[in-house]
Amino acid sequence: MDKNVPQAAARQISEVHHGSHNPIEGVPISIVVNARGRMCMLHSKPFGATPVWIKYLTNKRKVKIVFDNGVECVIDYLMDDKLHKLLLNVTKLFLIRMENGMPVEGYDTNLIKE
């Protein structure tokens, strides 16, 4: 029996579009999947803008965060096969800011495939 265990993705920013201010600069981000297949992005510092939605770039296997100020930031992590398959079936992604192991802020965003 294959057990569902949380899977994490590393984080780095590779490109920023539509503006010069990068709202996720210096913010460590991890993508985590729970046993029910729900996905979360965990981060430990506040973003410089409000995230509106998340895009999954299916052909590049990368995730892009879109902010309310029009800035789009790609997280420079190539999703492995398991995370890729899960992301293809997810429609919601929760962004959760953690401090001292406790959630302090969160955003319920739509995940759009592109």
N, C-alpha and C. Protein backbone atom coordinates (compact mmCIF):
# COMPACT_ATOMS: atom_id res chain seq x y z
N MET A 1 0.84 -1.18 0.00
CA MET A 1 0.00 0.00 0.00
C MET A 1 0.89 1.24 0.00
N ASP A 2 0.61 2.14 -0.92
CA ASP A 2 1.40 3.37 -1.05
C ASP A 2 0.84 4.41 -0.10
N LYS A 3 1.62 4.83 0.87
CA LYS A 3 1.18 5.82 1.85
C LYS A 3 1.35 7.22 1.31
N ASN A 4 0.34 8.07 1.51
CA ASN A 4 0.47 9.47 1.13
C ASN A 4 1.17 10.21 2.25
N VAL A 5 2.33 10.75 1.95
CA VAL A 5 3.07 11.53 2.94
C VAL A 5 3.29 12.91 2.37
N PRO A 6 3.41 13.91 3.23
CA PRO A 6 3.64 15.26 2.72
C PRO A 6 4.89 15.33 1.85
N GLN A 7 4.78 16.04 0.75
CA GLN A 7 5.89 16.27 -0.16
C GLN A 7 6.19 17.76 -0.19
N ALA A 8 7.43 18.12 -0.12
CA ALA A 8 7.80 19.53 -0.11
C ALA A 8 8.62 19.87 -1.35
N ALA A 9 8.47 21.08 -1.81
CA ALA A 9 9.26 21.58 -2.93
C ALA A 9 10.11 22.74 -2.43
N ALA A 10 11.31 22.81 -2.90
CA ALA A 10 12.20 23.91 -2.51
C ALA A 10 11.74 25.21 -3.14
N ARG A 11 12.38 26.29 -2.84
CA ARG A 11 11.92 27.59 -3.31
C ARG A 11 13.06 28.48 -3.73
N GLN A 12 12.90 29.10 -4.83
CA GLN A 12 13.77 30.15 -5.33
C GLN A 12 12.97 30.94 -6.36
N ILE A 13 13.29 32.17 -6.56
CA ILE A 13 12.58 33.01 -7.53
C ILE A 13 13.44 33.11 -8.78
N SER A 14 12.83 32.83 -9.96
CA SER A 14 13.62 32.89 -11.17
C SER A 14 13.28 34.08 -12.05
N GLU A 15 12.05 34.50 -12.08
CA GLU A 15 11.70 35.63 -12.94
C GLU A 15 10.53 36.41 -12.35
N VAL A 16 10.53 37.69 -12.60
CA VAL A 16 9.47 38.58 -12.14
C VAL A 16 9.00 39.36 -13.35
N HIS A 17 7.67 39.47 -13.50
CA HIS A 17 7.10 40.18 -14.65
C HIS A 17 6.20 41.32 -14.18
N HIS A 18 5.98 42.28 -15.03
CA HIS A 18 5.01 43.36 -14.84
C HIS A 18 5.33 44.26 -13.65
N GLY A 19 6.55 44.64 -13.51
CA GLY A 19 6.88 45.57 -12.43
C GLY A 19 8.27 45.29 -11.89
N SER A 20 8.81 46.26 -11.20
CA SER A 20 10.17 46.11 -10.71
C SER A 20 10.23 45.60 -9.28
N HIS A 21 9.16 45.77 -8.50
CA HIS A 21 9.17 45.34 -7.11
C HIS A 21 8.82 43.86 -7.02
N ASN A 22 9.67 43.08 -6.38
CA ASN A 22 9.46 41.64 -6.24
C ASN A 22 8.88 41.36 -4.85
N PRO A 23 7.57 41.05 -4.75
CA PRO A 23 6.94 40.85 -3.44
C PRO A 23 7.39 39.60 -2.70
N ILE A 24 8.10 38.67 -3.36
CA ILE A 24 8.55 37.47 -2.65
C ILE A 24 10.07 37.43 -2.49
N GLU A 25 10.73 38.54 -2.77
CA GLU A 25 12.19 38.58 -2.62
C GLU A 25 12.58 38.30 -1.18
N GLY A 26 13.44 37.32 -0.99
CA GLY A 26 13.92 36.97 0.34
C GLY A 26 12.93 36.17 1.17
N VAL A 27 11.82 35.72 0.57
CA VAL A 27 10.81 34.95 1.30
C VAL A 27 10.98 33.47 0.95
N PRO A 28 11.39 32.64 1.92
CA PRO A 28 11.48 31.21 1.65
C PRO A 28 10.08 30.62 1.49
N ILE A 29 9.88 29.82 0.44
CA ILE A 29 8.56 29.25 0.14
C ILE A 29 8.72 27.76 -0.08
N SER A 30 7.82 26.97 0.50
CA SER A 30 7.79 25.53 0.27
C SER A 30 6.38 25.14 -0.15
N ILE A 31 6.28 24.16 -1.04
CA ILE A 31 4.98 23.62 -1.43
C ILE A 31 4.83 22.28 -0.73
N VAL A 32 3.71 22.11 -0.03
CA VAL A 32 3.47 20.91 0.76
C VAL A 32 2.13 20.32 0.34
N VAL A 33 2.08 18.98 0.24
CA VAL A 33 0.86 18.26 -0.07
C VAL A 33 0.53 17.38 1.12
N ASN A 34 -0.73 17.47 1.61
CA ASN A 34 -1.08 16.61 2.73
C ASN A 34 -1.62 15.27 2.23
N ALA A 35 -1.99 14.39 3.14
CA ALA A 35 -2.43 13.04 2.80
C ALA A 35 -3.72 13.03 1.98
N ARG A 36 -4.51 14.08 2.04
CA ARG A 36 -5.75 14.17 1.27
C ARG A 36 -5.55 14.82 -0.09
N GLY A 37 -4.32 15.18 -0.41
CA GLY A 37 -4.03 15.79 -1.70
C GLY A 37 -4.24 17.28 -1.74
N ARG A 38 -4.46 17.91 -0.60
CA ARG A 38 -4.61 19.37 -0.55
C ARG A 38 -3.22 19.99 -0.52
N MET A 39 -3.07 21.09 -1.27
CA MET A 39 -1.77 21.71 -1.39
C MET A 39 -1.71 23.04 -0.66
N CYS A 40 -0.56 23.29 -0.06
CA CYS A 40 -0.30 24.55 0.63
C CYS A 40 1.07 25.06 0.22
N MET A 41 1.19 26.38 0.19
CA MET A 41 2.50 27.01 0.09
C MET A 41 2.76 27.62 1.45
N LEU A 42 3.86 27.23 2.04
CA LEU A 42 4.23 27.76 3.34
C LEU A 42 5.35 28.76 3.15
N HIS A 43 5.25 29.89 3.87
CA HIS A 43 6.30 30.90 3.82
C HIS A 43 6.46 31.49 5.21
N SER A 44 7.67 32.01 5.48
CA SER A 44 7.97 32.46 6.84
C SER A 44 8.07 33.97 6.99
N LYS A 45 7.91 34.70 5.90
CA LYS A 45 7.94 36.17 5.95
C LYS A 45 6.74 36.71 5.18
N PRO A 46 6.26 37.90 5.54
CA PRO A 46 5.13 38.47 4.79
C PRO A 46 5.55 38.80 3.35
N PHE A 47 4.60 38.64 2.43
CA PHE A 47 4.82 39.05 1.06
C PHE A 47 4.75 40.56 0.97
N GLY A 48 5.34 41.14 -0.06
CA GLY A 48 5.30 42.58 -0.27
C GLY A 48 4.03 43.04 -0.96
N ALA A 49 3.11 42.13 -1.27
CA ALA A 49 1.82 42.45 -1.90
C ALA A 49 0.88 41.30 -1.58
N THR A 50 -0.40 41.47 -1.94
CA THR A 50 -1.40 40.43 -1.67
C THR A 50 -1.51 39.47 -2.85
N PRO A 51 -1.31 38.16 -2.61
CA PRO A 51 -1.46 37.19 -3.69
C PRO A 51 -2.93 37.06 -4.09
N VAL A 52 -3.19 37.05 -5.40
CA VAL A 52 -4.55 36.96 -5.91
C VAL A 52 -4.86 35.54 -6.38
N TRP A 53 -3.94 34.96 -7.15
CA TRP A 53 -4.08 33.58 -7.57
C TRP A 53 -2.73 33.00 -7.88
N ILE A 54 -2.72 31.68 -8.11
CA ILE A 54 -1.51 30.95 -8.43
C ILE A 54 -1.70 30.33 -9.81
N LYS A 55 -0.66 30.38 -10.63
CA LYS A 55 -0.69 29.72 -11.94
C LYS A 55 0.29 28.56 -11.91
N TYR A 56 -0.13 27.42 -12.45
CA TYR A 56 0.81 26.31 -12.63
C TYR A 56 1.14 26.25 -14.10
N LEU A 57 2.39 26.50 -14.43
CA LEU A 57 2.86 26.49 -15.81
C LEU A 57 3.16 25.03 -16.17
N THR A 58 2.15 24.35 -16.73
CA THR A 58 2.23 22.90 -16.91
C THR A 58 3.38 22.47 -17.80
N ASN A 59 3.67 23.22 -18.85
CA ASN A 59 4.75 22.82 -19.76
C ASN A 59 6.13 23.06 -19.15
N LYS A 60 6.25 24.01 -18.22
CA LYS A 60 7.53 24.28 -17.56
C LYS A 60 7.64 23.60 -16.20
N ARG A 61 6.49 23.10 -15.70
CA ARG A 61 6.41 22.47 -14.37
C ARG A 61 6.86 23.42 -13.26
N LYS A 62 6.44 24.68 -13.38
CA LYS A 62 6.78 25.70 -12.38
C LYS A 62 5.51 26.41 -11.92
N VAL A 63 5.60 27.03 -10.75
CA VAL A 63 4.48 27.73 -10.15
C VAL A 63 4.76 29.23 -10.18
N LYS A 64 3.72 30.00 -10.51
CA LYS A 64 3.83 31.46 -10.57
C LYS A 64 2.79 32.05 -9.61
N ILE A 65 3.21 32.98 -8.78
CA ILE A 65 2.29 33.68 -7.89
C ILE A 65 1.94 35.02 -8.54
N VAL A 66 0.65 35.33 -8.63
CA VAL A 66 0.17 36.59 -9.21
C VAL A 66 -0.36 37.45 -8.07
N PHE A 67 0.12 38.69 -8.01
CA PHE A 67 -0.23 39.60 -6.91
C PHE A 67 -1.21 40.67 -7.37
N ASP A 68 -1.85 41.33 -6.41
CA ASP A 68 -2.86 42.34 -6.70
C ASP A 68 -2.29 43.57 -7.40
N ASN A 69 -0.99 43.78 -7.34
CA ASN A 69 -0.37 44.93 -8.01
C ASN A 69 0.09 44.59 -9.43
N GLY A 70 -0.27 43.38 -9.93
CA GLY A 70 0.07 42.98 -11.29
C GLY A 70 1.39 42.26 -11.42
N VAL A 71 2.17 42.18 -10.35
CA VAL A 71 3.46 41.49 -10.41
C VAL A 71 3.22 39.98 -10.40
N GLU A 72 3.96 39.27 -11.26
CA GLU A 72 3.90 37.81 -11.33
C GLU A 72 5.30 37.27 -11.05
N CYS A 73 5.43 36.38 -10.07
CA CYS A 73 6.73 35.84 -9.68
C CYS A 73 6.72 34.33 -9.86
N VAL A 74 7.69 33.83 -10.61
CA VAL A 74 7.84 32.39 -10.82
C VAL A 74 8.78 31.84 -9.76
N ILE A 75 8.36 30.76 -9.12
CA ILE A 75 9.22 30.08 -8.15
C ILE A 75 10.07 29.10 -8.93
N ASP A 76 11.37 29.24 -8.81
CA ASP A 76 12.31 28.46 -9.61
C ASP A 76 12.53 27.07 -9.01
N TYR A 77 11.52 26.24 -9.13
CA TYR A 77 11.62 24.86 -8.70
C TYR A 77 10.86 24.03 -9.72
N LEU A 78 11.51 23.04 -10.27
CA LEU A 78 10.90 22.15 -11.25
C LEU A 78 10.17 21.05 -10.50
N MET A 79 8.84 20.95 -10.68
CA MET A 79 8.04 19.96 -9.98
C MET A 79 8.38 18.55 -10.47
N ASP A 80 8.59 17.64 -9.52
CA ASP A 80 8.85 16.25 -9.91
C ASP A 80 7.54 15.62 -10.41
N ASP A 81 7.61 14.39 -10.90
CA ASP A 81 6.44 13.74 -11.49
C ASP A 81 5.26 13.65 -10.53
N LYS A 82 5.53 13.31 -9.28
CA LYS A 82 4.45 13.15 -8.30
C LYS A 82 3.74 14.48 -8.03
N LEU A 83 4.51 15.54 -7.78
CA LEU A 83 3.91 16.86 -7.55
C LEU A 83 3.22 17.37 -8.81
N HIS A 84 3.79 17.11 -9.97
CA HIS A 84 3.19 17.53 -11.23
C HIS A 84 1.80 16.92 -11.39
N LYS A 85 1.67 15.63 -11.16
CA LYS A 85 0.36 14.96 -11.28
C LYS A 85 -0.64 15.52 -10.28
N LEU A 86 -0.18 15.78 -9.06
CA LEU A 86 -1.08 16.35 -8.05
C LEU A 86 -1.52 17.76 -8.44
N LEU A 87 -0.59 18.58 -8.92
CA LEU A 87 -0.93 19.95 -9.32
C LEU A 87 -1.93 20.00 -10.48
N LEU A 88 -1.90 19.00 -11.34
CA LEU A 88 -2.84 18.97 -12.47
C LEU A 88 -4.28 18.77 -12.01
N ASN A 89 -4.46 18.21 -10.80
CA ASN A 89 -5.80 17.92 -10.29
C ASN A 89 -6.26 18.86 -9.18
N VAL A 90 -5.44 19.83 -8.83
CA VAL A 90 -5.77 20.76 -7.75
C VAL A 90 -6.38 22.04 -8.32
N THR A 91 -7.42 22.56 -7.66
CA THR A 91 -8.03 23.83 -8.08
C THR A 91 -7.84 24.93 -7.05
N LYS A 92 -7.50 24.58 -5.83
CA LYS A 92 -7.26 25.55 -4.75
C LYS A 92 -5.89 25.32 -4.16
N LEU A 93 -5.25 26.40 -3.77
CA LEU A 93 -3.96 26.31 -3.11
C LEU A 93 -3.95 27.33 -1.98
N PHE A 94 -3.60 26.89 -0.80
CA PHE A 94 -3.58 27.77 0.36
C PHE A 94 -2.18 28.29 0.59
N LEU A 95 -2.05 29.59 0.77
CA LEU A 95 -0.78 30.22 1.12
C LEU A 95 -0.84 30.51 2.62
N ILE A 96 0.12 29.99 3.36
CA ILE A 96 0.10 30.12 4.81
C ILE A 96 1.44 30.65 5.28
N ARG A 97 1.39 31.76 6.02
CA ARG A 97 2.63 32.29 6.63
C ARG A 97 2.75 31.72 8.03
N MET A 98 3.91 31.15 8.31
CA MET A 98 4.17 30.52 9.60
C MET A 98 5.17 31.34 10.40
N GLU A 99 4.93 31.44 11.69
CA GLU A 99 5.87 32.06 12.63
C GLU A 99 5.97 31.16 13.84
N ASN A 100 7.18 30.76 14.19
CA ASN A 100 7.42 29.89 15.34
C ASN A 100 6.55 28.63 15.28
N GLY A 101 6.40 28.07 14.08
CA GLY A 101 5.64 26.85 13.91
C GLY A 101 4.14 26.99 13.93
N MET A 102 3.64 28.23 13.97
CA MET A 102 2.20 28.47 14.03
C MET A 102 1.76 29.31 12.83
N PRO A 103 0.59 28.99 12.24
CA PRO A 103 0.08 29.82 11.14
C PRO A 103 -0.40 31.17 11.66
N VAL A 104 0.02 32.26 11.00
CA VAL A 104 -0.37 33.60 11.44
C VAL A 104 -1.12 34.38 10.35
N GLU A 105 -1.06 33.91 9.11
CA GLU A 105 -1.72 34.61 8.02
C GLU A 105 -1.93 33.60 6.90
N GLY A 106 -3.05 33.73 6.18
CA GLY A 106 -3.28 32.80 5.09
C GLY A 106 -4.12 33.39 3.98
N TYR A 107 -3.94 32.85 2.79
CA TYR A 107 -4.70 33.23 1.61
C TYR A 107 -5.22 31.96 0.94
N ASP A 108 -6.49 31.95 0.62
CA ASP A 108 -7.11 30.85 -0.11
C ASP A 108 -7.17 31.27 -1.57
N THR A 109 -6.31 30.69 -2.41
CA THR A 109 -6.22 31.13 -3.79
C THR A 109 -6.65 30.03 -4.75
N ASN A 110 -7.05 30.43 -5.94
CA ASN A 110 -7.34 29.49 -7.01
C ASN A 110 -6.05 29.13 -7.73
N LEU A 111 -5.95 27.88 -8.14
CA LEU A 111 -4.81 27.43 -8.92
C LEU A 111 -5.27 27.29 -10.36
N ILE A 112 -4.65 28.06 -11.24
CA ILE A 112 -5.00 28.08 -12.66
C ILE A 112 -3.88 27.37 -13.42
N LYS A 113 -4.26 26.47 -14.32
CA LYS A 113 -3.27 25.79 -15.15
C LYS A 113 -3.05 26.60 -16.42
N GLU A 114 -1.82 26.76 -16.79
CA GLU A 114 -1.48 27.57 -17.98
C GLU A 114 -0.49 26.83 -18.84
